[in-house]
Amino acid sequence: MTEEVFLSPKKKGKIAVFISGRGSNFRAIHDSILAGKMNCEIALVFSNKEDAPGLKTAQDRNLETLFLDPKAYSSREDYEKEIIKELRKRDVA
């Protein structure tokens, strides 16, 4: 299922960025937001790897981060439900 999200030019949408490593795409997105090229805010930087260097980068940029270990859940479905729950807590569409 594919969803398109259109953000109002007047209202900043909240997004989450998923990383598993250095977070090079996350940095590019955040830099674009800071430069005014994207009308949104990063509500969460999420990783399934506790030692992902991009989490430290996000913390250094004063952004909220979250690591959830997929091995801690009995199924992929349970893991994904927990991710969705965390996104909803932060009003991420």
PDB file of N, CA and C in Angstrom:
ATOM      1  N   MET A   1       0.840  -1.172   0.000  1.00  0.00           N
ATOM      2  CA  MET A   1       0.000   0.000   0.000  1.00  0.00           C
ATOM      3  C   MET A   1       0.885   1.235   0.000  1.00  0.00           C
ATOM      4  N   THR A   2       0.626   2.141  -0.893  1.00  0.00           N
ATOM      5  CA  THR A   2       1.397   3.373  -0.987  1.00  0.00           C
ATOM      6  C   THR A   2       0.515   4.543  -0.615  1.00  0.00           C
ATOM      7  N   GLU A   3       1.059   5.427   0.210  1.00  0.00           N
ATOM      8  CA  GLU A   3       0.334   6.626   0.590  1.00  0.00           C
ATOM      9  C   GLU A   3       1.159   7.833   0.195  1.00  0.00           C
ATOM     10  N   GLU A   4       0.486   8.857  -0.314  1.00  0.00           N
ATOM     11  CA  GLU A   4       1.159  10.108  -0.608  1.00  0.00           C
ATOM     12  C   GLU A   4       0.797  11.091   0.483  1.00  0.00           C
ATOM     13  N   VAL A   5       1.783  11.849   0.931  1.00  0.00           N
ATOM     14  CA  VAL A   5       1.552  12.839   1.968  1.00  0.00           C
ATOM     15  C   VAL A   5       1.872  14.203   1.391  1.00  0.00           C
ATOM     16  N   PHE A   6       0.904  15.086   1.427  1.00  0.00           N
ATOM     17  CA  PHE A   6       1.102  16.452   0.960  1.00  0.00           C
ATOM     18  C   PHE A   6       1.076  17.363   2.176  1.00  0.00           C
ATOM     19  N   LEU A   7       2.099  18.178   2.305  1.00  0.00           N
ATOM     20  CA  LEU A   7       2.202  19.059   3.450  1.00  0.00           C
ATOM     21  C   LEU A   7       1.758  20.456   3.077  1.00  0.00           C
ATOM     22  N   SER A   8       0.973  21.049   3.934  1.00  0.00           N
ATOM     23  CA  SER A   8       0.529  22.422   3.725  1.00  0.00           C
ATOM     24  C   SER A   8       1.721  23.354   3.822  1.00  0.00           C
ATOM     25  N   PRO A   9       1.790  24.365   2.943  1.00  0.00           N
ATOM     26  CA  PRO A   9       2.907  25.300   3.037  1.00  0.00           C
ATOM     27  C   PRO A   9       2.910  26.078   4.349  1.00  0.00           C
ATOM     28  N   LYS A  10       1.755  26.159   5.014  1.00  0.00           N
ATOM     29  CA  LYS A  10       1.662  26.918   6.260  1.00  0.00           C
ATOM     30  C   LYS A  10       1.932  26.058   7.489  1.00  0.00           C
ATOM     31  N   LYS A  11       1.705  24.773   7.377  1.00  0.00           N
ATOM     32  CA  LYS A  11       1.847  23.893   8.531  1.00  0.00           C
ATOM     33  C   LYS A  11       2.952  22.878   8.277  1.00  0.00           C
ATOM     34  N   LYS A  12       3.879  22.808   9.213  1.00  0.00           N
ATOM     35  CA  LYS A  12       4.958  21.833   9.088  1.00  0.00           C
ATOM     36  C   LYS A  12       4.453  20.453   9.474  1.00  0.00           C
ATOM     37  N   GLY A  13       4.695  19.494   8.615  1.00  0.00           N
ATOM     38  CA  GLY A  13       4.373  18.118   8.935  1.00  0.00           C
ATOM     39  C   GLY A  13       5.504  17.497   9.731  1.00  0.00           C
ATOM     40  N   LYS A  14       5.175  16.486  10.498  1.00  0.00           N
ATOM     41  CA  LYS A  14       6.182  15.774  11.280  1.00  0.00           C
ATOM     42  C   LYS A  14       6.527  14.481  10.561  1.00  0.00           C
ATOM     43  N   ILE A  15       7.820  14.225  10.469  1.00  0.00           N
ATOM     44  CA  ILE A  15       8.280  13.006   9.817  1.00  0.00           C
ATOM     45  C   ILE A  15       9.203  12.235  10.752  1.00  0.00           C
ATOM     46  N   ALA A  16       9.354  10.963  10.457  1.00  0.00           N
ATOM     47  CA  ALA A  16      10.352  10.125  11.111  1.00  0.00           C
ATOM     48  C   ALA A  16      11.318   9.678  10.029  1.00  0.00           C
ATOM     49  N   VAL A  17      12.575   9.576  10.400  1.00  0.00           N
ATOM     50  CA  VAL A  17      13.593   9.100   9.473  1.00  0.00           C
ATOM     51  C   VAL A  17      14.124   7.782  10.031  1.00  0.00           C
ATOM     52  N   PHE A  18      14.111   6.759   9.188  1.00  0.00           N
ATOM     53  CA  PHE A  18      14.580   5.435   9.582  1.00  0.00           C
ATOM     54  C   PHE A  18      15.998   5.252   9.065  1.00  0.00           C
ATOM     55  N   ILE A  19      16.892   4.841   9.959  1.00  0.00           N
ATOM     56  CA  ILE A  19      18.287   4.628   9.576  1.00  0.00           C
ATOM     57  C   ILE A  19      18.744   3.259  10.063  1.00  0.00           C
ATOM     58  N   SER A  20      19.817   2.774   9.460  1.00  0.00           N
ATOM     59  CA  SER A  20      20.416   1.532   9.952  1.00  0.00           C
ATOM     60  C   SER A  20      21.934   1.634  10.018  1.00  0.00           C
ATOM     61  N   GLY A  21      22.451   2.787   9.641  1.00  0.00           N
ATOM     62  CA  GLY A  21      23.904   2.959   9.634  1.00  0.00           C
ATOM     63  C   GLY A  21      24.295   4.387   9.939  1.00  0.00           C
ATOM     64  N   ARG A  22      25.108   4.962   9.055  1.00  0.00           N
ATOM     65  CA  ARG A  22      25.648   6.309   9.270  1.00  0.00           C
ATOM     66  C   ARG A  22      24.587   7.395   9.234  1.00  0.00           C
ATOM     67  N   GLY A  23      23.519   7.163   8.524  1.00  0.00           N
ATOM     68  CA  GLY A  23      22.466   8.169   8.456  1.00  0.00           C
ATOM     69  C   GLY A  23      22.745   9.261   7.445  1.00  0.00           C
ATOM     70  N   SER A  24      23.406   8.927   6.351  1.00  0.00           N
ATOM     71  CA  SER A  24      23.744   9.951   5.351  1.00  0.00           C
ATOM     72  C   SER A  24      22.485  10.552   4.726  1.00  0.00           C
ATOM     73  N   ASN A  25      21.486   9.755   4.466  1.00  0.00           N
ATOM     74  CA  ASN A  25      20.230  10.305   3.929  1.00  0.00           C
ATOM     75  C   ASN A  25      19.527  11.160   4.978  1.00  0.00           C
ATOM     76  N   PHE A  26      19.563  10.716   6.232  1.00  0.00           N
ATOM     77  CA  PHE A  26      18.992  11.516   7.316  1.00  0.00           C
ATOM     78  C   PHE A  26      19.656  12.888   7.370  1.00  0.00           C
ATOM     79  N   ARG A  27      20.983  12.925   7.296  1.00  0.00           N
ATOM     80  CA  ARG A  27      21.697  14.211   7.354  1.00  0.00           C
ATOM     81  C   ARG A  27      21.283  15.105   6.199  1.00  0.00           C
ATOM     82  N   ALA A  28      21.140  14.541   5.018  1.00  0.00           N
ATOM     83  CA  ALA A  28      20.728  15.336   3.850  1.00  0.00           C
ATOM     84  C   ALA A  28      19.315  15.893   4.050  1.00  0.00           C
ATOM     85  N   ILE A  29      18.425  15.084   4.583  1.00  0.00           N
ATOM     86  CA  ILE A  29      17.058  15.546   4.847  1.00  0.00           C
ATOM     87  C   ILE A  29      17.078  16.662   5.884  1.00  0.00           C
ATOM     88  N   HIS A  30      17.798  16.453   6.975  1.00  0.00           N
ATOM     89  CA  HIS A  30      17.847  17.463   8.034  1.00  0.00           C
ATOM     90  C   HIS A  30      18.473  18.760   7.525  1.00  0.00           C
ATOM     91  N   ASP A  31      19.533  18.653   6.749  1.00  0.00           N
ATOM     92  CA  ASP A  31      20.168  19.851   6.185  1.00  0.00           C
ATOM     93  C   ASP A  31      19.201  20.600   5.271  1.00  0.00           C
ATOM     94  N   SER A  32      18.407  19.874   4.498  1.00  0.00           N
ATOM     95  CA  SER A  32      17.415  20.511   3.618  1.00  0.00           C
ATOM     96  C   SER A  32      16.337  21.227   4.425  1.00  0.00           C
ATOM     97  N   ILE A  33      15.935  20.629   5.524  1.00  0.00           N
ATOM     98  CA  ILE A  33      14.948  21.274   6.397  1.00  0.00           C
ATOM     99  C   ILE A  33      15.532  22.560   6.968  1.00  0.00           C
ATOM    100  N   LEU A  34      16.760  22.486   7.470  1.00  0.00           N
ATOM    101  CA  LEU A  34      17.404  23.666   8.057  1.00  0.00           C
ATOM    102  C   LEU A  34      17.595  24.775   7.033  1.00  0.00           C
ATOM    103  N   ALA A  35      17.790  24.396   5.773  1.00  0.00           N
ATOM    104  CA  ALA A  35      17.980  25.377   4.700  1.00  0.00           C
ATOM    105  C   ALA A  35      16.653  25.919   4.175  1.00  0.00           C
ATOM    106  N   GLY A  36      15.540  25.428   4.710  1.00  0.00           N
ATOM    107  CA  GLY A  36      14.230  25.901   4.280  1.00  0.00           C
ATOM    108  C   GLY A  36      13.737  25.282   2.989  1.00  0.00           C
ATOM    109  N   LYS A  37      14.367  24.201   2.560  1.00  0.00           N
ATOM    110  CA  LYS A  37      13.977  23.538   1.315  1.00  0.00           C
ATOM    111  C   LYS A  37      12.860  22.517   1.517  1.00  0.00           C
ATOM    112  N   MET A  38      12.628  22.143   2.757  1.00  0.00           N
ATOM    113  CA  MET A  38      11.566  21.185   3.073  1.00  0.00           C
ATOM    114  C   MET A  38      10.741  21.759   4.216  1.00  0.00           C
ATOM    115  N   ASN A  39       9.427  21.712   4.068  1.00  0.00           N
ATOM    116  CA  ASN A  39       8.525  22.263   5.072  1.00  0.00           C
ATOM    117  C   ASN A  39       8.035  21.150   5.993  1.00  0.00           C
ATOM    118  N   CYS A  40       8.939  20.662   6.831  1.00  0.00           N
ATOM    119  CA  CYS A  40       8.581  19.619   7.784  1.00  0.00           C
ATOM    120  C   CYS A  40       9.580  19.652   8.927  1.00  0.00           C
ATOM    121  N   GLU A  41       9.293  18.862   9.929  1.00  0.00           N
ATOM    122  CA  GLU A  41      10.240  18.728  11.031  1.00  0.00           C
ATOM    123  C   GLU A  41      10.448  17.250  11.312  1.00  0.00           C
ATOM    124  N   ILE A  42      11.637  16.915  11.743  1.00  0.00           N
ATOM    125  CA  ILE A  42      11.935  15.530  12.091  1.00  0.00           C
ATOM    126  C   ILE A  42      11.516  15.315  13.539  1.00  0.00           C
ATOM    127  N   ALA A  43      10.481  14.506  13.719  1.00  0.00           N
ATOM    128  CA  ALA A  43       9.977  14.212  15.057  1.00  0.00           C
ATOM    129  C   ALA A  43      10.741  13.063  15.699  1.00  0.00           C
ATOM    130  N   LEU A  44      11.362  12.219  14.863  1.00  0.00           N
ATOM    131  CA  LEU A  44      12.038  11.040  15.386  1.00  0.00           C
ATOM    132  C   LEU A  44      13.029  10.502  14.365  1.00  0.00           C
ATOM    133  N   VAL A  45      14.182  10.088  14.861  1.00  0.00           N
ATOM    134  CA  VAL A  45      15.134   9.318  14.060  1.00  0.00           C
ATOM    135  C   VAL A  45      15.148   7.929  14.686  1.00  0.00           C
ATOM    136  N   PHE A  46      14.779   6.944  13.900  1.00  0.00           N
ATOM    137  CA  PHE A  46      14.576   5.579  14.387  1.00  0.00           C
ATOM    138  C   PHE A  46      15.589   4.636  13.759  1.00  0.00           C
ATOM    139  N   SER A  47      16.048   3.669  14.560  1.00  0.00           N
ATOM    140  CA  SER A  47      16.923   2.634  14.021  1.00  0.00           C
ATOM    141  C   SER A  47      16.608   1.289  14.648  1.00  0.00           C
ATOM    142  N   ASN A  48      16.843   0.251  13.863  1.00  0.00           N
ATOM    143  CA  ASN A  48      16.732  -1.114  14.365  1.00  0.00           C
ATOM    144  C   ASN A  48      18.099  -1.638  14.803  1.00  0.00           C
ATOM    145  N   LYS A  49      19.101  -0.756  14.767  1.00  0.00           N
ATOM    146  CA  LYS A  49      20.459  -1.114  15.186  1.00  0.00           C
ATOM    147  C   LYS A  49      20.912  -0.133  16.262  1.00  0.00           C
ATOM    148  N   GLU A  50      21.151  -0.664  17.442  1.00  0.00           N
ATOM    149  CA  GLU A  50      21.485   0.175  18.591  1.00  0.00           C
ATOM    150  C   GLU A  50      22.758   0.983  18.379  1.00  0.00           C
ATOM    151  N   ASP A  51      23.707   0.410  17.638  1.00  0.00           N
ATOM    152  CA  ASP A  51      24.997   1.079  17.449  1.00  0.00           C
ATOM    153  C   ASP A  51      25.094   1.855  16.134  1.00  0.00           C
ATOM    154  N   ALA A  52      23.971   2.150  15.510  1.00  0.00           N
ATOM    155  CA  ALA A  52      23.983   2.916  14.253  1.00  0.00           C
ATOM    156  C   ALA A  52      24.581   4.301  14.521  1.00  0.00           C
ATOM    157  N   PRO A  53      25.676   4.655  13.850  1.00  0.00           N
ATOM    158  CA  PRO A  53      26.309   5.955  14.078  1.00  0.00           C
ATOM    159  C   PRO A  53      25.376   7.140  13.829  1.00  0.00           C
ATOM    160  N   GLY A  54      24.395   6.962  12.964  1.00  0.00           N
ATOM    161  CA  GLY A  54      23.454   8.039  12.675  1.00  0.00           C
ATOM    162  C   GLY A  54      22.627   8.450  13.885  1.00  0.00           C
ATOM    163  N   LEU A  55      22.435   7.545  14.851  1.00  0.00           N
ATOM    164  CA  LEU A  55      21.706   7.896  16.070  1.00  0.00           C
ATOM    165  C   LEU A  55      22.474   8.952  16.862  1.00  0.00           C
ATOM    166  N   LYS A  56      23.781   8.788  16.950  1.00  0.00           N
ATOM    167  CA  LYS A  56      24.619   9.779  17.649  1.00  0.00           C
ATOM    168  C   LYS A  56      24.578  11.111  16.916  1.00  0.00           C
ATOM    169  N   THR A  57      24.635  11.064  15.597  1.00  0.00           N
ATOM    170  CA  THR A  57      24.551  12.291  14.801  1.00  0.00           C
ATOM    171  C   THR A  57      23.240  13.011  15.086  1.00  0.00           C
ATOM    172  N   ALA A  58      22.147  12.265  15.121  1.00  0.00           N
ATOM    173  CA  ALA A  58      20.838  12.865  15.397  1.00  0.00           C
ATOM    174  C   ALA A  58      20.804  13.464  16.799  1.00  0.00           C
ATOM    175  N   GLN A  59      21.362  12.760  17.765  1.00  0.00           N
ATOM    176  CA  GLN A  59      21.408  13.283  19.133  1.00  0.00           C
ATOM    177  C   GLN A  59      22.243  14.562  19.191  1.00  0.00           C
ATOM    178  N   ASP A  60      23.346  14.585  18.464  1.00  0.00           N
ATOM    179  CA  ASP A  60      24.188  15.784  18.407  1.00  0.00           C
ATOM    180  C   ASP A  60      23.438  16.964  17.800  1.00  0.00           C
ATOM    181  N   ARG A  61      22.440  16.675  16.980  1.00  0.00           N
ATOM    182  CA  ARG A  61      21.620  17.722  16.356  1.00  0.00           C
ATOM    183  C   ARG A  61      20.349  17.992  17.175  1.00  0.00           C
ATOM    184  N   ASN A  62      20.331  17.490  18.388  1.00  0.00           N
ATOM    185  CA  ASN A  62      19.208  17.690  19.319  1.00  0.00           C
ATOM    186  C   ASN A  62      17.881  17.143  18.802  1.00  0.00           C
ATOM    187  N   LEU A  63      17.943  16.007  18.135  1.00  0.00           N
ATOM    188  CA  LEU A  63      16.742  15.344  17.643  1.00  0.00           C
ATOM    189  C   LEU A  63      16.479  14.098  18.480  1.00  0.00           C
ATOM    190  N   GLU A  64      15.207  13.784  18.635  1.00  0.00           N
ATOM    191  CA  GLU A  64      14.841  12.593  19.395  1.00  0.00           C
ATOM    192  C   GLU A  64      15.185  11.343  18.597  1.00  0.00           C
ATOM    193  N   THR A  65      15.744  10.360  19.290  1.00  0.00           N
ATOM    194  CA  THR A  65      16.092   9.096  18.649  1.00  0.00           C
ATOM    195  C   THR A  65      15.418   7.947  19.388  1.00  0.00           C
ATOM    196  N   LEU A  66      15.271   6.854  18.660  1.00  0.00           N
ATOM    197  CA  LEU A  66      14.691   5.657  19.258  1.00  0.00           C
ATOM    198  C   LEU A  66      15.285   4.429  18.590  1.00  0.00           C
ATOM    199  N   PHE A  67      15.717   3.490  19.421  1.00  0.00           N
ATOM    200  CA  PHE A  67      16.147   2.178  18.962  1.00  0.00           C
ATOM    201  C   PHE A  67      15.170   1.159  19.521  1.00  0.00           C
ATOM    202  N   LEU A  68      14.670   0.303  18.653  1.00  0.00           N
ATOM    203  CA  LEU A  68      13.873  -0.844  19.083  1.00  0.00           C
ATOM    204  C   LEU A  68      14.513  -2.091  18.495  1.00  0.00           C
ATOM    205  N   ASP A  69      14.786  -3.051  19.344  1.00  0.00           N
ATOM    206  CA  ASP A  69      15.423  -4.290  18.920  1.00  0.00           C
ATOM    207  C   ASP A  69      14.372  -5.244  18.364  1.00  0.00           C
ATOM    208  N   PRO A  70      14.454  -5.564  17.084  1.00  0.00           N
ATOM    209  CA  PRO A  70      13.453  -6.476  16.509  1.00  0.00           C
ATOM    210  C   PRO A  70      13.457  -7.856  17.170  1.00  0.00           C
ATOM    211  N   LYS A  71      14.586  -8.242  17.746  1.00  0.00           N
ATOM    212  CA  LYS A  71      14.675  -9.559  18.395  1.00  0.00           C
ATOM    213  C   LYS A  71      13.864  -9.627  19.688  1.00  0.00           C
ATOM    214  N   ALA A  72      13.475  -8.474  20.197  1.00  0.00           N
ATOM    215  CA  ALA A  72      12.712  -8.430  21.446  1.00  0.00           C
ATOM    216  C   ALA A  72      11.221  -8.694  21.233  1.00  0.00           C
ATOM    217  N   TYR A  73      10.819  -8.877  19.990  1.00  0.00           N
ATOM    218  CA  TYR A  73       9.399  -9.072  19.665  1.00  0.00           C
ATOM    219  C   TYR A  73       9.194 -10.468  19.103  1.00  0.00           C
ATOM    220  N   SER A  74       8.041 -11.039  19.398  1.00  0.00           N
ATOM    221  CA  SER A  74       7.774 -12.422  18.992  1.00  0.00           C
ATOM    222  C   SER A  74       7.532 -12.568  17.490  1.00  0.00           C
ATOM    223  N   SER A  75       7.177 -11.467  16.836  1.00  0.00           N
ATOM    224  CA  SER A  75       6.950 -11.528  15.391  1.00  0.00           C
ATOM    225  C   SER A  75       7.271 -10.177  14.763  1.00  0.00           C
ATOM    226  N   ARG A  76       7.472 -10.194  13.475  1.00  0.00           N
ATOM    227  CA  ARG A  76       7.704  -8.944  12.749  1.00  0.00           C
ATOM    228  C   ARG A  76       6.479  -8.034  12.868  1.00  0.00           C
ATOM    229  N   GLU A  77       5.307  -8.644  12.828  1.00  0.00           N
ATOM    230  CA  GLU A  77       4.073  -7.867  12.944  1.00  0.00           C
ATOM    231  C   GLU A  77       4.018  -7.118  14.283  1.00  0.00           C
ATOM    232  N   ASP A  78       4.391  -7.794  15.371  1.00  0.00           N
ATOM    233  CA  ASP A  78       4.404  -7.137  16.685  1.00  0.00           C
ATOM    234  C   ASP A  78       5.415  -5.995  16.713  1.00  0.00           C
ATOM    235  N   TYR A  79       6.551  -6.223  16.108  1.00  0.00           N
ATOM    236  CA  TYR A  79       7.596  -5.194  16.032  1.00  0.00           C
ATOM    237  C   TYR A  79       7.083  -3.973  15.265  1.00  0.00           C
ATOM    238  N   GLU A  80       6.476  -4.212  14.129  1.00  0.00           N
ATOM    239  CA  GLU A  80       5.964  -3.110  13.315  1.00  0.00           C
ATOM    240  C   GLU A  80       4.822  -2.370  14.017  1.00  0.00           C
ATOM    241  N   LYS A  81       4.002  -3.093  14.762  1.00  0.00           N
ATOM    242  CA  LYS A  81       2.934  -2.443  15.533  1.00  0.00           C
ATOM    243  C   LYS A  81       3.527  -1.499  16.576  1.00  0.00           C
ATOM    244  N   GLU A  82       4.616  -1.916  17.197  1.00  0.00           N
ATOM    245  CA  GLU A  82       5.269  -1.065  18.195  1.00  0.00           C
ATOM    246  C   GLU A  82       5.863   0.182  17.542  1.00  0.00           C
ATOM    247  N   ILE A  83       6.443   0.023  16.376  1.00  0.00           N
ATOM    248  CA  ILE A  83       6.975   1.182  15.647  1.00  0.00           C
ATOM    249  C   ILE A  83       5.844   2.162  15.345  1.00  0.00           C
ATOM    250  N   ILE A  84       4.737   1.651  14.838  1.00  0.00           N
ATOM    251  CA  ILE A  84       3.591   2.514  14.513  1.00  0.00           C
ATOM    252  C   ILE A  84       3.089   3.229  15.765  1.00  0.00           C
ATOM    253  N   LYS A  85       3.035   2.521  16.872  1.00  0.00           N
ATOM    254  CA  LYS A  85       2.612   3.130  18.140  1.00  0.00           C
ATOM    255  C   LYS A  85       3.535   4.300  18.507  1.00  0.00           C
ATOM    256  N   GLU A  86       4.834   4.101  18.352  1.00  0.00           N
ATOM    257  CA  GLU A  86       5.803   5.156  18.669  1.00  0.00           C
ATOM    258  C   GLU A  86       5.658   6.346  17.713  1.00  0.00           C
ATOM    259  N   LEU A  87       5.384   6.080  16.454  1.00  0.00           N
ATOM    260  CA  LEU A  87       5.194   7.165  15.486  1.00  0.00           C
ATOM    261  C   LEU A  87       3.946   7.972  15.827  1.00  0.00           C
ATOM    262  N   ARG A  88       2.892   7.294  16.180  1.00  0.00           N
ATOM    263  CA  ARG A  88       1.637   7.986  16.527  1.00  0.00           C
ATOM    264  C   ARG A  88       1.798   8.850  17.773  1.00  0.00           C
ATOM    265  N   LYS A  89       2.596   8.399  18.733  1.00  0.00           N
ATOM    266  CA  LYS A  89       2.859   9.195  19.938  1.00  0.00           C
ATOM    267  C   LYS A  89       3.437  10.563  19.576  1.00  0.00           C
ATOM    268  N   ARG A  90       4.142  10.596  18.453  1.00  0.00           N
ATOM    269  CA  ARG A  90       4.830  11.822  18.033  1.00  0.00           C
ATOM    270  C   ARG A  90       4.100  12.539  16.902  1.00  0.00           C
ATOM    271  N   ASP A  91       2.874  12.122  16.637  1.00  0.00           N
ATOM    272  CA  ASP A  91       2.042  12.723  15.580  1.00  0.00           C
ATOM    273  C   ASP A  91       2.685  12.655  14.201  1.00  0.00           C
ATOM    274  N   VAL A  92       3.390  11.564  13.946  1.00  0.00           N
ATOM    275  CA  VAL A  92       3.971  11.347  12.622  1.00  0.00           C
ATOM    276  C   VAL A  92       2.915  10.680  11.762  1.00  0.00           C
ATOM    277  N   ALA A  93       2.676  11.251  10.586  1.00  0.00           N
ATOM    278  CA  ALA A  93       1.645  10.717   9.689  1.00  0.00           C
ATOM    279  C   ALA A  93       2.118   9.443   9.022  1.00  0.00           C
TER     280      ALA A  93
END
